Amino acid sequence: MTEKPLNLALNPDVTPRVRGVMEKCTFCVQRIKDGKNKAKLEGRPLRDGEIKTACQVACPADAIVFGDTNDPKSAVSQMMKDERGYALLEEWHAAPAVRYLSKIRNNDKGGEHS
C-alpha cells in the first residue's frame, strides 16, 4: 500500500515511464479496449462518443474529438470534412490519424472597427 497522496500517482491502466521518456500517443488503448468489451458484452455496436480519451475528458474547451472515422455520421468524421482541417506530413502521404483545425481569423478589413 502506498500512502496518500502518492497513491494517486499509481494508475494500473498506464505504464509508468521514467522522467524524460517520451512516447507516441496510444489514444488510450486501454479505454478503447474497455469500451469495445462493454459494448460486446451488451450485444450492441459502439455508440459515437462512448469512448473518450483521457486528454479529451480533461480538456475544458472540448477541443479534442475522438471517434470512428469510418462512420460517416460520427462527430469526428464530420469534423474531418471541415475545410480548415489539415494533418502534419500530409503532403508526404503519411496518412496520420490526427487532424487539426486551423485558427479562425477575422480578416474583415471593411468592418466598423478598422
PDB file of N, CA and C in Angstrom:
ATOM      1  N   MET A   1       0.852  -1.186   0.000  1.00  0.00           N
ATOM      2  CA  MET A   1       0.000   0.000   0.000  1.00  0.00           C
ATOM      3  C   MET A   1       0.895   1.246   0.000  1.00  0.00           C
ATOM      4  N   THR A   2       0.531   2.169  -0.822  1.00  0.00           N
ATOM      5  CA  THR A   2       1.246   3.434  -0.900  1.00  0.00           C
ATOM      6  C   THR A   2       0.463   4.476  -0.130  1.00  0.00           C
ATOM      7  N   GLU A   3       1.162   5.296   0.619  1.00  0.00           N
ATOM      8  CA  GLU A   3       0.488   6.302   1.437  1.00  0.00           C
ATOM      9  C   GLU A   3      -0.016   7.456   0.588  1.00  0.00           C
ATOM     10  N   LYS A   4      -1.049   8.115   1.099  1.00  0.00           N
ATOM     11  CA  LYS A   4      -1.620   9.274   0.421  1.00  0.00           C
ATOM     12  C   LYS A   4      -0.629  10.423   0.450  1.00  0.00           C
ATOM     13  N   PRO A   5      -0.519  11.279  -0.510  1.00  0.00           N
ATOM     14  CA  PRO A   5      -1.214  11.365  -1.790  1.00  0.00           C
ATOM     15  C   PRO A   5      -0.514  10.607  -2.903  1.00  0.00           C
ATOM     16  N   LEU A   6       0.565   9.863  -2.605  1.00  0.00           N
ATOM     17  CA  LEU A   6       1.300   9.147  -3.650  1.00  0.00           C
ATOM     18  C   LEU A   6       0.473   8.040  -4.294  1.00  0.00           C
ATOM     19  N   ASN A   7      -0.547   7.554  -3.617  1.00  0.00           N
ATOM     20  CA  ASN A   7      -1.385   6.507  -4.180  1.00  0.00           C
ATOM     21  C   ASN A   7      -2.103   6.971  -5.450  1.00  0.00           C
ATOM     22  N   LEU A   8      -2.313   8.280  -5.579  1.00  0.00           N
ATOM     23  CA  LEU A   8      -2.997   8.811  -6.761  1.00  0.00           C
ATOM     24  C   LEU A   8      -2.108   8.750  -7.999  1.00  0.00           C
ATOM     25  N   ALA A   9      -0.806   8.607  -7.831  1.00  0.00           N
ATOM     26  CA  ALA A   9       0.119   8.558  -8.964  1.00  0.00           C
ATOM     27  C   ALA A   9       0.168   7.176  -9.607  1.00  0.00           C
ATOM     28  N   LEU A  10      -0.357   6.174  -8.941  1.00  0.00           N
ATOM     29  CA  LEU A  10      -0.298   4.811  -9.456  1.00  0.00           C
ATOM     30  C   LEU A  10      -1.589   4.448 -10.163  1.00  0.00           C
ATOM     31  N   ASN A  11      -1.548   4.414 -11.478  1.00  0.00           N
ATOM     32  CA  ASN A  11      -2.704   4.061 -12.286  1.00  0.00           C
ATOM     33  C   ASN A  11      -2.411   2.716 -12.943  1.00  0.00           C
ATOM     34  N   PRO A  12      -3.140   1.662 -12.623  1.00  0.00           N
ATOM     35  CA  PRO A  12      -2.843   0.348 -13.188  1.00  0.00           C
ATOM     36  C   PRO A  12      -3.070   0.266 -14.693  1.00  0.00           C
ATOM     37  N   ASP A  13      -3.793   1.220 -15.273  1.00  0.00           N
ATOM     38  CA  ASP A  13      -4.076   1.198 -16.707  1.00  0.00           C
ATOM     39  C   ASP A  13      -2.989   1.880 -17.541  1.00  0.00           C
ATOM     40  N   VAL A  14      -2.030   2.517 -16.892  1.00  0.00           N
ATOM     41  CA  VAL A  14      -0.999   3.260 -17.606  1.00  0.00           C
ATOM     42  C   VAL A  14       0.369   2.768 -17.173  1.00  0.00           C
ATOM     43  N   THR A  15       1.219   2.489 -18.158  1.00  0.00           N
ATOM     44  CA  THR A  15       2.576   2.046 -17.861  1.00  0.00           C
ATOM     45  C   THR A  15       3.412   3.244 -17.433  1.00  0.00           C
ATOM     46  N   PRO A  16       3.974   3.226 -16.230  1.00  0.00           N
ATOM     47  CA  PRO A  16       4.782   4.363 -15.789  1.00  0.00           C
ATOM     48  C   PRO A  16       6.105   4.428 -16.534  1.00  0.00           C
ATOM     49  N   ARG A  17       6.546   5.623 -16.825  1.00  0.00           N
ATOM     50  CA  ARG A  17       7.820   5.844 -17.504  1.00  0.00           C
ATOM     51  C   ARG A  17       8.723   6.686 -16.617  1.00  0.00           C
ATOM     52  N   VAL A  18      10.014   6.511 -16.813  1.00  0.00           N
ATOM     53  CA  VAL A  18      10.943   7.334 -16.064  1.00  0.00           C
ATOM     54  C   VAL A  18      10.871   8.751 -16.599  1.00  0.00           C
ATOM     55  N   ARG A  19      11.284   9.684 -15.783  1.00  0.00           N
ATOM     56  CA  ARG A  19      11.213  11.083 -16.160  1.00  0.00           C
ATOM     57  C   ARG A  19      12.034  11.342 -17.422  1.00  0.00           C
ATOM     58  N   GLY A  20      11.453  12.058 -18.366  1.00  0.00           N
ATOM     59  CA  GLY A  20      12.145  12.431 -19.586  1.00  0.00           C
ATOM     60  C   GLY A  20      11.920  11.492 -20.757  1.00  0.00           C
ATOM     61  N   VAL A  21      11.223  10.374 -20.550  1.00  0.00           N
ATOM     62  CA  VAL A  21      10.958   9.443 -21.645  1.00  0.00           C
ATOM     63  C   VAL A  21       9.648   9.839 -22.311  1.00  0.00           C
ATOM     64  N   MET A  22       9.697  10.027 -23.622  1.00  0.00           N
ATOM     65  CA  MET A  22       8.506  10.446 -24.361  1.00  0.00           C
ATOM     66  C   MET A  22       8.052   9.316 -25.279  1.00  0.00           C
ATOM     67  N   GLU A  23       6.758   9.136 -25.396  1.00  0.00           N
ATOM     68  CA  GLU A  23       6.202   8.101 -26.258  1.00  0.00           C
ATOM     69  C   GLU A  23       5.137   8.694 -27.153  1.00  0.00           C
ATOM     70  N   LYS A  24       4.811   7.963 -28.215  1.00  0.00           N
ATOM     71  CA  LYS A  24       3.705   8.368 -29.065  1.00  0.00           C
ATOM     72  C   LYS A  24       2.401   8.098 -28.314  1.00  0.00           C
ATOM     73  N   CYS A  25       1.400   8.867 -28.622  1.00  0.00           N
ATOM     74  CA  CYS A  25       0.095   8.682 -28.004  1.00  0.00           C
ATOM     75  C   CYS A  25      -0.527   7.378 -28.491  1.00  0.00           C
ATOM     76  N   THR A  26      -1.105   6.617 -27.571  1.00  0.00           N
ATOM     77  CA  THR A  26      -1.793   5.374 -27.925  1.00  0.00           C
ATOM     78  C   THR A  26      -3.296   5.591 -28.009  1.00  0.00           C
ATOM     79  N   PHE A  27      -3.729   6.836 -27.863  1.00  0.00           N
ATOM     80  CA  PHE A  27      -5.152   7.188 -27.852  1.00  0.00           C
ATOM     81  C   PHE A  27      -5.889   6.400 -26.779  1.00  0.00           C
ATOM     82  N   CYS A  28      -5.190   6.209 -25.653  1.00  0.00           N
ATOM     83  CA  CYS A  28      -5.765   5.496 -24.501  1.00  0.00           C
ATOM     84  C   CYS A  28      -6.324   4.138 -24.925  1.00  0.00           C
ATOM     85  N   VAL A  29      -5.433   3.305 -25.443  1.00  0.00           N
ATOM     86  CA  VAL A  29      -5.833   1.996 -25.940  1.00  0.00           C
ATOM     87  C   VAL A  29      -6.584   1.194 -24.878  1.00  0.00           C
ATOM     88  N   GLN A  30      -6.265   1.401 -23.594  1.00  0.00           N
ATOM     89  CA  GLN A  30      -6.972   0.681 -22.537  1.00  0.00           C
ATOM     90  C   GLN A  30      -8.432   1.123 -22.450  1.00  0.00           C
ATOM     91  N   ARG A  31      -8.709   2.397 -22.709  1.00  0.00           N
ATOM     92  CA  ARG A  31     -10.099   2.878 -22.701  1.00  0.00           C
ATOM     93  C   ARG A  31     -10.859   2.345 -23.910  1.00  0.00           C
ATOM     94  N   ILE A  32     -10.178   2.275 -25.050  1.00  0.00           N
ATOM     95  CA  ILE A  32     -10.804   1.738 -26.263  1.00  0.00           C
ATOM     96  C   ILE A  32     -11.181   0.275 -26.042  1.00  0.00           C
ATOM     97  N   LYS A  33     -10.241  -0.476 -25.490  1.00  0.00           N
ATOM     98  CA  LYS A  33     -10.490  -1.899 -25.231  1.00  0.00           C
ATOM     99  C   LYS A  33     -11.652  -2.086 -24.259  1.00  0.00           C
ATOM    100  N   ASP A  34     -11.684  -1.310 -23.189  1.00  0.00           N
ATOM    101  CA  ASP A  34     -12.776  -1.408 -22.216  1.00  0.00           C
ATOM    102  C   ASP A  34     -14.127  -1.069 -22.851  1.00  0.00           C
ATOM    103  N   GLY A  35     -14.149  -0.033 -23.662  1.00  0.00           N
ATOM    104  CA  GLY A  35     -15.394   0.373 -24.327  1.00  0.00           C
ATOM    105  C   GLY A  35     -15.897  -0.676 -25.295  1.00  0.00           C
ATOM    106  N   LYS A  36     -14.973  -1.247 -26.070  1.00  0.00           N
ATOM    107  CA  LYS A  36     -15.362  -2.299 -27.021  1.00  0.00           C
ATOM    108  C   LYS A  36     -15.873  -3.533 -26.282  1.00  0.00           C
ATOM    109  N   ASN A  37     -15.188  -3.909 -25.203  1.00  0.00           N
ATOM    110  CA  ASN A  37     -15.618  -5.079 -24.432  1.00  0.00           C
ATOM    111  C   ASN A  37     -16.999  -4.868 -23.820  1.00  0.00           C
ATOM    112  N   LYS A  38     -17.244  -3.681 -23.294  1.00  0.00           N
ATOM    113  CA  LYS A  38     -18.544  -3.390 -22.692  1.00  0.00           C
ATOM    114  C   LYS A  38     -19.658  -3.487 -23.729  1.00  0.00           C
ATOM    115  N   ALA A  39     -19.426  -2.912 -24.905  1.00  0.00           N
ATOM    116  CA  ALA A  39     -20.431  -2.965 -25.966  1.00  0.00           C
ATOM    117  C   ALA A  39     -20.660  -4.402 -26.434  1.00  0.00           C
ATOM    118  N   LYS A  40     -19.573  -5.172 -26.525  1.00  0.00           N
ATOM    119  CA  LYS A  40     -19.694  -6.563 -26.959  1.00  0.00           C
ATOM    120  C   LYS A  40     -20.487  -7.387 -25.951  1.00  0.00           C
ATOM    121  N   LEU A  41     -20.223  -7.170 -24.655  1.00  0.00           N
ATOM    122  CA  LEU A  41     -20.974  -7.896 -23.622  1.00  0.00           C
ATOM    123  C   LEU A  41     -22.458  -7.541 -23.645  1.00  0.00           C
ATOM    124  N   GLU A  42     -22.765  -6.311 -24.004  1.00  0.00           N
ATOM    125  CA  GLU A  42     -24.163  -5.873 -24.078  1.00  0.00           C
ATOM    126  C   GLU A  42     -24.788  -6.201 -25.426  1.00  0.00           C
ATOM    127  N   GLY A  43     -23.995  -6.773 -26.345  1.00  0.00           N
ATOM    128  CA  GLY A  43     -24.510  -7.204 -27.644  1.00  0.00           C
ATOM    129  C   GLY A  43     -24.943  -6.059 -28.539  1.00  0.00           C
ATOM    130  N   ARG A  44     -24.164  -4.999 -28.562  1.00  0.00           N
ATOM    131  CA  ARG A  44     -24.517  -3.831 -29.372  1.00  0.00           C
ATOM    132  C   ARG A  44     -23.255  -3.214 -29.954  1.00  0.00           C
ATOM    133  N   PRO A  45     -23.418  -2.412 -31.009  1.00  0.00           N
ATOM    134  CA  PRO A  45     -22.239  -1.723 -31.548  1.00  0.00           C
ATOM    135  C   PRO A  45     -21.860  -0.526 -30.671  1.00  0.00           C
ATOM    136  N   LEU A  46     -20.637  -0.084 -30.822  1.00  0.00           N
ATOM    137  CA  LEU A  46     -20.196   1.116 -30.092  1.00  0.00           C
ATOM    138  C   LEU A  46     -20.990   2.325 -30.560  1.00  0.00           C
ATOM    139  N   ARG A  47     -21.327   3.191 -29.630  1.00  0.00           N
ATOM    140  CA  ARG A  47     -22.021   4.435 -29.964  1.00  0.00           C
ATOM    141  C   ARG A  47     -21.001   5.551 -30.127  1.00  0.00           C
ATOM    142  N   ASP A  48     -21.323   6.497 -30.981  1.00  0.00           N
ATOM    143  CA  ASP A  48     -20.435   7.634 -31.201  1.00  0.00           C
ATOM    144  C   ASP A  48     -20.279   8.419 -29.905  1.00  0.00           C
ATOM    145  N   GLY A  49     -19.054   8.695 -29.530  1.00  0.00           N
ATOM    146  CA  GLY A  49     -18.772   9.454 -28.320  1.00  0.00           C
ATOM    147  C   GLY A  49     -18.744   8.636 -27.051  1.00  0.00           C
ATOM    148  N   GLU A  50     -18.928   7.330 -27.164  1.00  0.00           N
ATOM    149  CA  GLU A  50     -18.943   6.469 -25.978  1.00  0.00           C
ATOM    150  C   GLU A  50     -17.556   6.336 -25.356  1.00  0.00           C
ATOM    151  N   ILE A  51     -16.532   6.293 -26.191  1.00  0.00           N
ATOM    152  CA  ILE A  51     -15.160   6.189 -25.704  1.00  0.00           C
ATOM    153  C   ILE A  51     -14.531   7.572 -25.748  1.00  0.00           C
ATOM    154  N   LYS A  52     -13.974   7.995 -24.624  1.00  0.00           N
ATOM    155  CA  LYS A  52     -13.296   9.285 -24.545  1.00  0.00           C
ATOM    156  C   LYS A  52     -11.875   9.075 -24.041  1.00  0.00           C
ATOM    157  N   THR A  53     -10.923   9.711 -24.710  1.00  0.00           N
ATOM    158  CA  THR A  53      -9.538   9.624 -24.262  1.00  0.00           C
ATOM    159  C   THR A  53      -9.362  10.480 -23.015  1.00  0.00           C
ATOM    160  N   ALA A  54      -8.284  10.237 -22.287  1.00  0.00           N
ATOM    161  CA  ALA A  54      -8.031  10.990 -21.055  1.00  0.00           C
ATOM    162  C   ALA A  54      -7.870  12.478 -21.344  1.00  0.00           C
ATOM    163  N   CYS A  55      -7.169  12.819 -22.422  1.00  0.00           N
ATOM    164  CA  CYS A  55      -6.977  14.242 -22.734  1.00  0.00           C
ATOM    165  C   CYS A  55      -8.287  14.885 -23.169  1.00  0.00           C
ATOM    166  N   GLN A  56      -9.158  14.127 -23.806  1.00  0.00           N
ATOM    167  CA  GLN A  56     -10.467  14.642 -24.206  1.00  0.00           C
ATOM    168  C   GLN A  56     -11.322  14.940 -22.980  1.00  0.00           C
ATOM    169  N   VAL A  57     -11.269  14.069 -21.995  1.00  0.00           N
ATOM    170  CA  VAL A  57     -12.026  14.273 -20.760  1.00  0.00           C
ATOM    171  C   VAL A  57     -11.479  15.473 -19.993  1.00  0.00           C
ATOM    172  N   ALA A  58     -10.154  15.637 -20.028  1.00  0.00           N
ATOM    173  CA  ALA A  58      -9.515  16.710 -19.258  1.00  0.00           C
ATOM    174  C   ALA A  58      -9.598  18.074 -19.929  1.00  0.00           C
ATOM    175  N   CYS A  59      -9.922  18.132 -21.218  1.00  0.00           N
ATOM    176  CA  CYS A  59      -9.941  19.401 -21.954  1.00  0.00           C
ATOM    177  C   CYS A  59     -11.224  20.174 -21.657  1.00  0.00           C
ATOM    178  N   PRO A  60     -11.132  21.330 -20.993  1.00  0.00           N
ATOM    179  CA  PRO A  60     -12.330  22.086 -20.646  1.00  0.00           C
ATOM    180  C   PRO A  60     -13.002  22.758 -21.852  1.00  0.00           C
ATOM    181  N   ALA A  61     -12.284  22.913 -22.951  1.00  0.00           N
ATOM    182  CA  ALA A  61     -12.829  23.599 -24.125  1.00  0.00           C
ATOM    183  C   ALA A  61     -13.417  22.638 -25.156  1.00  0.00           C
ATOM    184  N   ASP A  62     -13.432  21.343 -24.861  1.00  0.00           N
ATOM    185  CA  ASP A  62     -13.890  20.332 -25.818  1.00  0.00           C
ATOM    186  C   ASP A  62     -13.185  20.473 -27.160  1.00  0.00           C
ATOM    187  N   ALA A  63     -11.885  20.744 -27.120  1.00  0.00           N
ATOM    188  CA  ALA A  63     -11.101  20.955 -28.330  1.00  0.00           C
ATOM    189  C   ALA A  63     -10.610  19.647 -28.936  1.00  0.00           C
ATOM    190  N   ILE A  64     -10.827  18.532 -28.261  1.00  0.00           N
ATOM    191  CA  ILE A  64     -10.359  17.232 -28.749  1.00  0.00           C
ATOM    192  C   ILE A  64     -11.575  16.361 -29.040  1.00  0.00           C
ATOM    193  N   VAL A  65     -11.610  15.800 -30.244  1.00  0.00           N
ATOM    194  CA  VAL A  65     -12.702  14.919 -30.648  1.00  0.00           C
ATOM    195  C   VAL A  65     -12.091  13.584 -31.032  1.00  0.00           C
ATOM    196  N   PHE A  66     -12.673  12.504 -30.548  1.00  0.00           N
ATOM    197  CA  PHE A  66     -12.166  11.160 -30.790  1.00  0.00           C
ATOM    198  C   PHE A  66     -13.317  10.295 -31.253  1.00  0.00           C
ATOM    199  N   GLY A  67     -13.071   9.451 -32.232  1.00  0.00           N
ATOM    200  CA  GLY A  67     -14.141   8.576 -32.678  1.00  0.00           C
ATOM    201  C   GLY A  67     -13.754   7.761 -33.885  1.00  0.00           C
ATOM    202  N   ASP A  68     -14.755   7.158 -34.509  1.00  0.00           N
ATOM    203  CA  ASP A  68     -14.573   6.273 -35.653  1.00  0.00           C
ATOM    204  C   ASP A  68     -14.653   7.078 -36.941  1.00  0.00           C
ATOM    205  N   THR A  69     -13.518   7.204 -37.625  1.00  0.00           N
ATOM    206  CA  THR A  69     -13.501   7.967 -38.882  1.00  0.00           C
ATOM    207  C   THR A  69     -14.156   7.197 -40.018  1.00  0.00           C
ATOM    208  N   ASN A  70     -14.377   5.896 -39.840  1.00  0.00           N
ATOM    209  CA  ASN A  70     -15.048   5.101 -40.875  1.00  0.00           C
ATOM    210  C   ASN A  70     -16.558   5.271 -40.841  1.00  0.00           C
ATOM    211  N   ASP A  71     -17.091   5.796 -39.756  1.00  0.00           N
ATOM    212  CA  ASP A  71     -18.524   6.049 -39.639  1.00  0.00           C
ATOM    213  C   ASP A  71     -18.807   7.456 -40.156  1.00  0.00           C
ATOM    214  N   PRO A  72     -19.461   7.608 -41.294  1.00  0.00           N
ATOM    215  CA  PRO A  72     -19.685   8.946 -41.860  1.00  0.00           C
ATOM    216  C   PRO A  72     -20.575   9.840 -40.997  1.00  0.00           C
ATOM    217  N   LYS A  73     -21.317   9.258 -40.053  1.00  0.00           N
ATOM    218  CA  LYS A  73     -22.202  10.055 -39.204  1.00  0.00           C
ATOM    219  C   LYS A  73     -21.551  10.474 -37.886  1.00  0.00           C
ATOM    220  N   SER A  74     -20.353   9.955 -37.598  1.00  0.00           N
ATOM    221  CA  SER A  74     -19.708  10.275 -36.323  1.00  0.00           C
ATOM    222  C   SER A  74     -19.241  11.719 -36.285  1.00  0.00           C
ATOM    223  N   ALA A  75     -19.102  12.253 -35.073  1.00  0.00           N
ATOM    224  CA  ALA A  75     -18.681  13.652 -34.898  1.00  0.00           C
ATOM    225  C   ALA A  75     -17.288  13.886 -35.456  1.00  0.00           C
ATOM    226  N   VAL A  76     -16.395  12.934 -35.244  1.00  0.00           N
ATOM    227  CA  VAL A  76     -15.021  13.109 -35.728  1.00  0.00           C
ATOM    228  C   VAL A  76     -14.983  13.052 -37.257  1.00  0.00           C
ATOM    229  N   SER A  77     -15.798  12.221 -37.857  1.00  0.00           N
ATOM    230  CA  SER A  77     -15.855  12.136 -39.313  1.00  0.00           C
ATOM    231  C   SER A  77     -16.389  13.440 -39.910  1.00  0.00           C
ATOM    232  N   GLN A  78     -17.362  14.029 -39.254  1.00  0.00           N
ATOM    233  CA  GLN A  78     -17.910  15.310 -39.720  1.00  0.00           C
ATOM    234  C   GLN A  78     -16.865  16.421 -39.612  1.00  0.00           C
ATOM    235  N   MET A  79     -16.104  16.423 -38.520  1.00  0.00           N
ATOM    236  CA  MET A  79     -15.077  17.450 -38.339  1.00  0.00           C
ATOM    237  C   MET A  79     -13.942  17.296 -39.346  1.00  0.00           C
ATOM    238  N   MET A  80     -13.660  16.063 -39.765  1.00  0.00           N
ATOM    239  CA  MET A  80     -12.596  15.851 -40.738  1.00  0.00           C
ATOM    240  C   MET A  80     -12.940  16.425 -42.104  1.00  0.00           C
ATOM    241  N   LYS A  81     -14.217  16.645 -42.357  1.00  0.00           N
ATOM    242  CA  LYS A  81     -14.655  17.239 -43.625  1.00  0.00           C
ATOM    243  C   LYS A  81     -14.519  18.757 -43.624  1.00  0.00           C
ATOM    244  N   ASP A  82     -14.262  19.348 -42.464  1.00  0.00           N
ATOM    245  CA  ASP A  82     -14.141  20.802 -42.352  1.00  0.00           C
ATOM    246  C   ASP A  82     -12.989  21.296 -43.224  1.00  0.00           C
ATOM    247  N   GLU A  83     -13.217  22.363 -43.952  1.00  0.00           N
ATOM    248  CA  GLU A  83     -12.197  22.895 -44.864  1.00  0.00           C
ATOM    249  C   GLU A  83     -10.970  23.437 -44.122  1.00  0.00           C
ATOM    250  N   ARG A  84     -11.117  23.706 -42.822  1.00  0.00           N
ATOM    251  CA  ARG A  84      -9.977  24.182 -42.030  1.00  0.00           C
ATOM    252  C   ARG A  84      -9.068  23.043 -41.584  1.00  0.00           C
ATOM    253  N   GLY A  85      -9.456  21.795 -41.821  1.00  0.00           N
ATOM    254  CA  GLY A  85      -8.706  20.647 -41.346  1.00  0.00           C
ATOM    255  C   GLY A  85      -7.420  20.411 -42.119  1.00  0.00           C
ATOM    256  N   TYR A  86      -6.395  19.999 -41.407  1.00  0.00           N
ATOM    257  CA  TYR A  86      -5.125  19.634 -42.025  1.00  0.00           C
ATOM    258  C   TYR A  86      -4.419  18.620 -41.131  1.00  0.00           C
ATOM    259  N   ALA A  87      -3.467  17.921 -41.708  1.00  0.00           N
ATOM    260  CA  ALA A  87      -2.667  16.935 -40.962  1.00  0.00           C
ATOM    261  C   ALA A  87      -1.197  17.219 -41.207  1.00  0.00           C
ATOM    262  N   LEU A  88      -0.373  16.918 -40.238  1.00  0.00           N
ATOM    263  CA  LEU A  88       1.060  17.085 -40.403  1.00  0.00           C
ATOM    264  C   LEU A  88       1.599  16.008 -41.343  1.00  0.00           C
ATOM    265  N   LEU A  89       2.547  16.370 -42.182  1.00  0.00           N
ATOM    266  CA  LEU A  89       3.171  15.479 -43.162  1.00  0.00           C
ATOM    267  C   LEU A  89       2.172  14.897 -44.159  1.00  0.00           C
ATOM    268  N   GLU A  90       1.051  15.567 -44.325  1.00  0.00           N
ATOM    269  CA  GLU A  90       0.021  15.095 -45.242  1.00  0.00           C
ATOM    270  C   GLU A  90       0.529  15.067 -46.685  1.00  0.00           C
ATOM    271  N   GLU A  91       1.380  16.034 -47.024  1.00  0.00           N
ATOM    272  CA  GLU A  91       1.900  16.112 -48.392  1.00  0.00           C
ATOM    273  C   GLU A  91       2.828  14.937 -48.720  1.00  0.00           C
ATOM    274  N   TRP A  92       3.290  14.217 -47.721  1.00  0.00           N
ATOM    275  CA  TRP A  92       4.130  13.038 -47.930  1.00  0.00           C
ATOM    276  C   TRP A  92       3.298  11.758 -47.924  1.00  0.00           C
ATOM    277  N   HIS A  93       1.988  11.901 -47.890  1.00  0.00           N
ATOM    278  CA  HIS A  93       1.056  10.772 -47.878  1.00  0.00           C
ATOM    279  C   HIS A  93       1.336   9.832 -46.695  1.00  0.00           C
ATOM    280  N   ALA A  94       1.599  10.429 -45.534  1.00  0.00           N
ATOM    281  CA  ALA A  94       1.896   9.659 -44.324  1.00  0.00           C
ATOM    282  C   ALA A  94       0.642   9.080 -43.687  1.00  0.00           C
ATOM    283  N   ALA A  95      -0.541   9.546 -44.067  1.00  0.00           N
ATOM    284  CA  ALA A  95      -1.831   9.085 -43.540  1.00  0.00           C
ATOM    285  C   ALA A  95      -1.889   9.146 -42.014  1.00  0.00           C
ATOM    286  N   PRO A  96      -1.622  10.311 -41.422  1.00  0.00           N
ATOM    287  CA  PRO A  96      -1.695  10.410 -39.959  1.00  0.00           C
ATOM    288  C   PRO A  96      -3.133  10.292 -39.467  1.00  0.00           C
ATOM    289  N   ALA A  97      -3.286   9.799 -38.240  1.00  0.00           N
ATOM    290  CA  ALA A  97      -4.609   9.628 -37.644  1.00  0.00           C
ATOM    291  C   ALA A  97      -5.085  10.895 -36.939  1.00  0.00           C
ATOM    292  N   VAL A  98      -4.211  11.857 -36.764  1.00  0.00           N
ATOM    293  CA  VAL A  98      -4.547  13.090 -36.063  1.00  0.00           C
ATOM    294  C   VAL A  98      -4.707  14.214 -37.071  1.00  0.00           C
ATOM    295  N   ARG A  99      -5.794  14.963 -36.948  1.00  0.00           N
ATOM    296  CA  ARG A  99      -6.030  16.121 -37.806  1.00  0.00           C
ATOM    297  C   ARG A  99      -6.240  17.336 -36.911  1.00  0.00           C
ATOM    298  N   TYR A 100      -5.917  18.479 -37.439  1.00  0.00           N
ATOM    299  CA  TYR A 100      -6.019  19.737 -36.710  1.00  0.00           C
ATOM    300  C   TYR A 100      -6.919  20.682 -37.484  1.00  0.00           C
ATOM    301  N   LEU A 101      -7.532  21.621 -36.780  1.00  0.00           N
ATOM    302  CA  LEU A 101      -8.307  22.676 -37.434  1.00  0.00           C
ATOM    303  C   LEU A 101      -7.539  23.974 -37.293  1.00  0.00           C
ATOM    304  N   SER A 102      -7.376  24.684 -38.401  1.00  0.00           N
ATOM    305  CA  SER A 102      -6.653  25.950 -38.345  1.00  0.00           C
ATOM    306  C   SER A 102      -7.488  26.995 -37.604  1.00  0.00           C
ATOM    307  N   LYS A 103      -6.798  27.976 -37.065  1.00  0.00           N
ATOM    308  CA  LYS A 103      -7.430  29.030 -36.288  1.00  0.00           C
ATOM    309  C   LYS A 103      -8.279  29.923 -37.201  1.00  0.00           C
ATOM    310  N   ILE A 104      -9.436  30.327 -36.699  1.00  0.00           N
ATOM    311  CA  ILE A 104     -10.281  31.254 -37.445  1.00  0.00           C
ATOM    312  C   ILE A 104      -9.791  32.658 -37.160  1.00  0.00           C
ATOM    313  N   ARG A 105      -9.489  33.390 -38.221  1.00  0.00           N
ATOM    314  CA  ARG A 105      -9.026  34.764 -38.069  1.00  0.00           C
ATOM    315  C   ARG A 105     -10.011  35.684 -38.765  1.00  0.00           C
ATOM    316  N   ASN A 106     -10.355  36.742 -38.111  1.00  0.00           N
ATOM    317  CA  ASN A 106     -11.262  37.716 -38.710  1.00  0.00           C
ATOM    318  C   ASN A 106     -10.425  38.721 -39.488  1.00  0.00           C
ATOM    319  N   ASN A 107     -10.408  38.552 -40.791  1.00  0.00           N
ATOM    320  CA  ASN A 107      -9.625  39.438 -41.649  1.00  0.00           C
ATOM    321  C   ASN A 107     -10.512  40.455 -42.365  1.00  0.00           C
ATOM    322  N   ASP A 108     -11.684  40.701 -41.827  1.00  0.00           N
ATOM    323  CA  ASP A 108     -12.620  41.632 -42.443  1.00  0.00           C
ATOM    324  C   ASP A 108     -12.101  43.048 -42.254  1.00  0.00           C
ATOM    325  N   LYS A 109     -11.560  43.631 -43.312  1.00  0.00           N
ATOM    326  CA  LYS A 109     -10.991  44.980 -43.232  1.00  0.00           C
ATOM    327  C   LYS A 109     -12.056  46.048 -43.387  1.00  0.00           C
ATOM    328  N   GLY A 110     -13.216  45.689 -43.940  1.00  0.00           N
ATOM    329  CA  GLY A 110     -14.249  46.679 -44.204  1.00  0.00           C
ATOM    330  C   GLY A 110     -15.260  46.834 -43.091  1.00  0.00           C
ATOM    331  N   GLY A 111     -14.985  46.299 -41.924  1.00  0.00           N
ATOM    332  CA  GLY A 111     -15.929  46.368 -40.806  1.00  0.00           C
ATOM    333  C   GLY A 111     -15.952  47.740 -40.162  1.00  0.00           C
ATOM    334  N   GLU A 112     -16.803  47.901 -39.172  1.00  0.00           N
ATOM    335  CA  GLU A 112     -16.945  49.181 -38.474  1.00  0.00           C
ATOM    336  C   GLU A 112     -15.702  49.532 -37.666  1.00  0.00           C
ATOM    337  N   HIS A 113     -15.027  48.516 -37.130  1.00  0.00           N
ATOM    338  CA  HIS A 113     -13.865  48.743 -36.274  1.00  0.00           C
ATOM    339  C   HIS A 113     -12.589  48.556 -37.075  1.00  0.00           C
ATOM    340  N   SER A 114     -12.150  49.562 -37.792  1.00  0.00           N
ATOM    341  CA  SER A 114     -10.955  49.457 -38.634  1.00  0.00           C
ATOM    342  C   SER A 114      -9.723  49.814 -37.864  1.00  0.00           C
TER     343      SER A 114
END
